[in-house]
């Protein structure tokens, strides 16, 4: 008990951190996280649709070739545009994997059976040395 009283700030920080990790686990992420290698296999072998949910300035700075751009802020309104690809895998991408997770949850609620979130987002893609388009 004396340790807790003397280190109240650190104990509180540890409790809050643990709570945040637990919340993420309970809440669940949208879609299955896939690595860059798994994503390239889905793209090449199953003609997966890649949807980039970053904002326009981020998209313009560079994106995965052949990806569709639907910013997360407009994603709900534009799901209908990709309904025809419902039978294909859909890989969602953002800068680091957080925003795309939200979009993945929306697609799962809309009945998309194969929804994937690119783990690490564009940072992971670029770090892997894979092509980036600015067109």
C-alpha atoms as a PDB file:
ATOM      1  CA  UNK A   1       0.000   0.000   0.000  1.00  0.00           C
ATOM      2  CA  UNK A   2       2.855   2.360   0.782  1.00  0.00           C
ATOM      3  CA  UNK A   3       4.292   1.769  -2.713  1.00  0.00           C
ATOM      4  CA  UNK A   4       1.005   2.811  -4.312  1.00  0.00           C
ATOM      5  CA  UNK A   5       0.802   5.974  -2.236  1.00  0.00           C
ATOM      6  CA  UNK A   6       4.378   6.961  -3.073  1.00  0.00           C
ATOM      7  CA  UNK A   7       3.961   6.226  -6.779  1.00  0.00           C
ATOM      8  CA  UNK A   8       0.374   7.264  -7.324  1.00  0.00           C
ATOM      9  CA  UNK A   9       1.109   8.976 -10.640  1.00  0.00           C
ATOM     10  CA  UNK A  10       2.793   5.876 -12.110  1.00  0.00           C
ATOM     11  CA  UNK A  11       0.133   3.519 -10.804  1.00  0.00           C
ATOM     12  CA  UNK A  12      -2.573   5.743 -12.314  1.00  0.00           C
ATOM     13  CA  UNK A  13      -0.735   5.873 -15.636  1.00  0.00           C
ATOM     14  CA  UNK A  14      -0.402   2.077 -15.680  1.00  0.00           C
ATOM     15  CA  UNK A  15      -4.099   1.635 -14.878  1.00  0.00           C
ATOM     16  CA  UNK A  16      -5.201   4.072 -17.591  1.00  0.00           C
ATOM     17  CA  UNK A  17      -2.896   2.449 -20.176  1.00  0.00           C
ATOM     18  CA  UNK A  18      -4.193  -1.000 -19.321  1.00  0.00           C
ATOM     19  CA  UNK A  19      -7.758   0.228 -19.526  1.00  0.00           C
ATOM     20  CA  UNK A  20      -7.163   1.673 -22.979  1.00  0.00           C
ATOM     21  CA  UNK A  21      -5.663  -1.593 -24.211  1.00  0.00           C
ATOM     22  CA  UNK A  22      -8.557  -3.537 -22.744  1.00  0.00           C
ATOM     23  CA  UNK A  23     -11.068  -1.166 -24.395  1.00  0.00           C
ATOM     24  CA  UNK A  24      -9.465  -1.735 -27.810  1.00  0.00           C
ATOM     25  CA  UNK A  25      -9.674  -5.498 -27.289  1.00  0.00           C
ATOM     26  CA  UNK A  26     -13.312  -5.425 -26.146  1.00  0.00           C
ATOM     27  CA  UNK A  27     -14.385  -2.923 -28.817  1.00  0.00           C
ATOM     28  CA  UNK A  28     -12.647  -4.900 -31.533  1.00  0.00           C
ATOM     29  CA  UNK A  29     -11.100  -3.519 -34.640  1.00  0.00           C
ATOM     30  CA  UNK A  30     -12.825  -3.281 -37.940  1.00  0.00           C
ATOM     31  CA  UNK A  31     -11.829  -6.055 -40.280  1.00  0.00           C
ATOM     32  CA  UNK A  32      -8.862  -8.332 -40.037  1.00  0.00           C
ATOM     33  CA  UNK A  33      -5.469  -6.649 -39.960  1.00  0.00           C
ATOM     34  CA  UNK A  34      -3.252  -7.768 -42.820  1.00  0.00           C
ATOM     35  CA  UNK A  35       0.429  -7.133 -43.344  1.00  0.00           C
ATOM     36  CA  UNK A  36       1.783  -5.451 -46.444  1.00  0.00           C
ATOM     37  CA  UNK A  37       2.824  -8.869 -47.793  1.00  0.00           C
ATOM     38  CA  UNK A  38      -0.666 -10.316 -47.215  1.00  0.00           C
ATOM     39  CA  UNK A  39      -2.239  -7.247 -48.815  1.00  0.00           C
ATOM     40  CA  UNK A  40      -0.120  -7.590 -51.957  1.00  0.00           C
ATOM     41  CA  UNK A  41      -1.158 -11.236 -52.228  1.00  0.00           C
ATOM     42  CA  UNK A  42      -4.827 -10.263 -51.937  1.00  0.00           C
ATOM     43  CA  UNK A  43      -4.352  -7.576 -54.586  1.00  0.00           C
ATOM     44  CA  UNK A  44      -2.445  -9.806 -57.004  1.00  0.00           C
ATOM     45  CA  UNK A  45      -4.268 -13.105 -56.519  1.00  0.00           C
ATOM     46  CA  UNK A  46      -7.834 -12.073 -55.673  1.00  0.00           C
ATOM     47  CA  UNK A  47      -8.082  -8.663 -57.338  1.00  0.00           C
ATOM     48  CA  UNK A  48      -8.764  -6.988 -53.996  1.00  0.00           C
ATOM     49  CA  UNK A  49     -10.131  -3.467 -54.004  1.00  0.00           C
ATOM     50  CA  UNK A  50      -7.912  -0.999 -52.135  1.00  0.00           C
ATOM     51  CA  UNK A  51      -9.711   1.967 -50.606  1.00  0.00           C
ATOM     52  CA  UNK A  52      -7.683   4.836 -49.148  1.00  0.00           C
ATOM     53  CA  UNK A  53      -9.629   6.729 -46.479  1.00  0.00           C
ATOM     54  CA  UNK A  54      -7.103   9.504 -45.853  1.00  0.00           C
ATOM     55  CA  UNK A  55      -7.873  13.144 -46.520  1.00  0.00           C
ATOM     56  CA  UNK A  56      -7.216  14.635 -49.964  1.00  0.00           C
ATOM     57  CA  UNK A  57      -3.880  16.272 -49.075  1.00  0.00           C
ATOM     58  CA  UNK A  58      -2.550  12.950 -47.759  1.00  0.00           C
ATOM     59  CA  UNK A  59      -3.854  11.112 -50.839  1.00  0.00           C
ATOM     60  CA  UNK A  60      -2.193  13.639 -53.168  1.00  0.00           C
ATOM     61  CA  UNK A  61       1.162  13.156 -51.434  1.00  0.00           C
ATOM     62  CA  UNK A  62       1.146   9.495 -52.521  1.00  0.00           C
ATOM     63  CA  UNK A  63      -1.097   6.443 -52.472  1.00  0.00           C
ATOM     64  CA  UNK A  64      -1.157   2.784 -53.460  1.00  0.00           C
ATOM     65  CA  UNK A  65      -1.481   2.481 -57.252  1.00  0.00           C
ATOM     66  CA  UNK A  66      -5.044   1.684 -58.414  1.00  0.00           C
ATOM     67  CA  UNK A  67      -6.500   2.508 -54.975  1.00  0.00           C
ATOM     68  CA  UNK A  68      -9.850   4.290 -54.716  1.00  0.00           C
ATOM     69  CA  UNK A  69      -9.974   7.444 -52.649  1.00  0.00           C
ATOM     70  CA  UNK A  70     -12.901   7.860 -50.285  1.00  0.00           C
ATOM     71  CA  UNK A  71     -12.045  10.067 -47.279  1.00  0.00           C
ATOM     72  CA  UNK A  72     -13.300   8.688 -43.974  1.00  0.00           C
ATOM     73  CA  UNK A  73     -15.305  11.886 -43.429  1.00  0.00           C
ATOM     74  CA  UNK A  74     -17.401  10.965 -46.513  1.00  0.00           C
ATOM     75  CA  UNK A  75     -17.133   7.194 -46.321  1.00  0.00           C
ATOM     76  CA  UNK A  76     -20.650   6.405 -45.106  1.00  0.00           C
ATOM     77  CA  UNK A  77     -22.206   8.295 -48.037  1.00  0.00           C
ATOM     78  CA  UNK A  78     -20.043   6.516 -50.619  1.00  0.00           C
ATOM     79  CA  UNK A  79     -20.258   2.866 -49.556  1.00  0.00           C
ATOM     80  CA  UNK A  80     -22.898   2.370 -52.237  1.00  0.00           C
ATOM     81  CA  UNK A  81     -20.245   3.150 -54.886  1.00  0.00           C
ATOM     82  CA  UNK A  82     -18.285   0.031 -53.993  1.00  0.00           C
ATOM     83  CA  UNK A  83     -21.283  -2.283 -53.432  1.00  0.00           C
ATOM     84  CA  UNK A  84     -20.634  -3.967 -56.793  1.00  0.00           C
ATOM     85  CA  UNK A  85     -17.293  -5.238 -55.466  1.00  0.00           C
ATOM     86  CA  UNK A  86     -18.859  -6.808 -52.381  1.00  0.00           C
ATOM     87  CA  UNK A  87     -17.728 -10.286 -53.462  1.00  0.00           C
ATOM     88  CA  UNK A  88     -14.048  -9.224 -53.621  1.00  0.00           C
ATOM     89  CA  UNK A  89     -11.714  -8.595 -50.706  1.00  0.00           C
ATOM     90  CA  UNK A  90     -11.580  -4.928 -49.682  1.00  0.00           C
ATOM     91  CA  UNK A  91      -8.386  -3.551 -48.148  1.00  0.00           C
ATOM     92  CA  UNK A  92      -8.746  -0.261 -46.296  1.00  0.00           C
ATOM     93  CA  UNK A  93      -5.767   2.052 -45.931  1.00  0.00           C
ATOM     94  CA  UNK A  94      -4.978   5.209 -43.993  1.00  0.00           C
ATOM     95  CA  UNK A  95      -1.757   6.695 -42.633  1.00  0.00           C
ATOM     96  CA  UNK A  96      -1.278   4.263 -39.758  1.00  0.00           C
ATOM     97  CA  UNK A  97      -4.281   1.914 -39.584  1.00  0.00           C
ATOM     98  CA  UNK A  98      -6.606   3.749 -37.172  1.00  0.00           C
ATOM     99  CA  UNK A  99      -9.020   5.535 -39.527  1.00  0.00           C
ATOM    100  CA  UNK A 100      -9.188   2.566 -41.860  1.00  0.00           C
ATOM    101  CA  UNK A 101     -10.318   0.453 -38.922  1.00  0.00           C
ATOM    102  CA  UNK A 102     -13.367   2.705 -38.542  1.00  0.00           C
ATOM    103  CA  UNK A 103     -14.154   2.368 -42.245  1.00  0.00           C
ATOM    104  CA  UNK A 104     -13.772  -1.405 -41.981  1.00  0.00           C
ATOM    105  CA  UNK A 105     -16.422  -1.528 -39.267  1.00  0.00           C
ATOM    106  CA  UNK A 106     -18.778   0.416 -41.557  1.00  0.00           C
ATOM    107  CA  UNK A 107     -18.225  -2.061 -44.398  1.00  0.00           C
ATOM    108  CA  UNK A 108     -18.784  -5.028 -42.114  1.00  0.00           C
ATOM    109  CA  UNK A 109     -22.089  -3.505 -40.960  1.00  0.00           C
ATOM    110  CA  UNK A 110     -23.004  -3.033 -44.645  1.00  0.00           C
ATOM    111  CA  UNK A 111     -22.518  -6.767 -45.221  1.00  0.00           C
ATOM    112  CA  UNK A 112     -19.108  -6.896 -46.895  1.00  0.00           C
ATOM    113  CA  UNK A 113     -17.756 -10.377 -46.072  1.00  0.00           C
ATOM    114  CA  UNK A 114     -14.026  -9.852 -46.771  1.00  0.00           C
ATOM    115  CA  UNK A 115     -12.847  -6.649 -45.107  1.00  0.00           C
ATOM    116  CA  UNK A 116      -9.190  -6.090 -44.302  1.00  0.00           C
ATOM    117  CA  UNK A 117      -7.290  -3.286 -42.619  1.00  0.00           C
ATOM    118  CA  UNK A 118      -3.707  -2.644 -43.771  1.00  0.00           C
ATOM    119  CA  UNK A 119      -1.677  -2.909 -40.561  1.00  0.00           C
ATOM    120  CA  UNK A 120       0.610   0.095 -40.293  1.00  0.00           C
ATOM    121  CA  UNK A 121      -1.176   1.857 -43.162  1.00  0.00           C
ATOM    122  CA  UNK A 122       0.726   3.808 -45.801  1.00  0.00           C
ATOM    123  CA  UNK A 123       3.735   4.052 -43.505  1.00  0.00           C
ATOM    124  CA  UNK A 124       4.127   0.280 -43.625  1.00  0.00           C
ATOM    125  CA  UNK A 125       3.580   0.243 -47.410  1.00  0.00           C
ATOM    126  CA  UNK A 126       6.270   2.881 -47.968  1.00  0.00           C
ATOM    127  CA  UNK A 127       8.655   1.261 -45.468  1.00  0.00           C
ATOM    128  CA  UNK A 128       8.325  -1.998 -47.441  1.00  0.00           C
ATOM    129  CA  UNK A 129       9.554  -0.160 -50.539  1.00  0.00           C
ATOM    130  CA  UNK A 130       6.372  -0.782 -52.519  1.00  0.00           C
ATOM    131  CA  UNK A 131       5.250   1.563 -55.306  1.00  0.00           C
ATOM    132  CA  UNK A 132       3.424   4.789 -54.542  1.00  0.00           C
ATOM    133  CA  UNK A 133       1.489   6.839 -57.093  1.00  0.00           C
ATOM    134  CA  UNK A 134       0.828  10.576 -57.109  1.00  0.00           C
ATOM    135  CA  UNK A 135      -1.559  10.511 -60.096  1.00  0.00           C
END
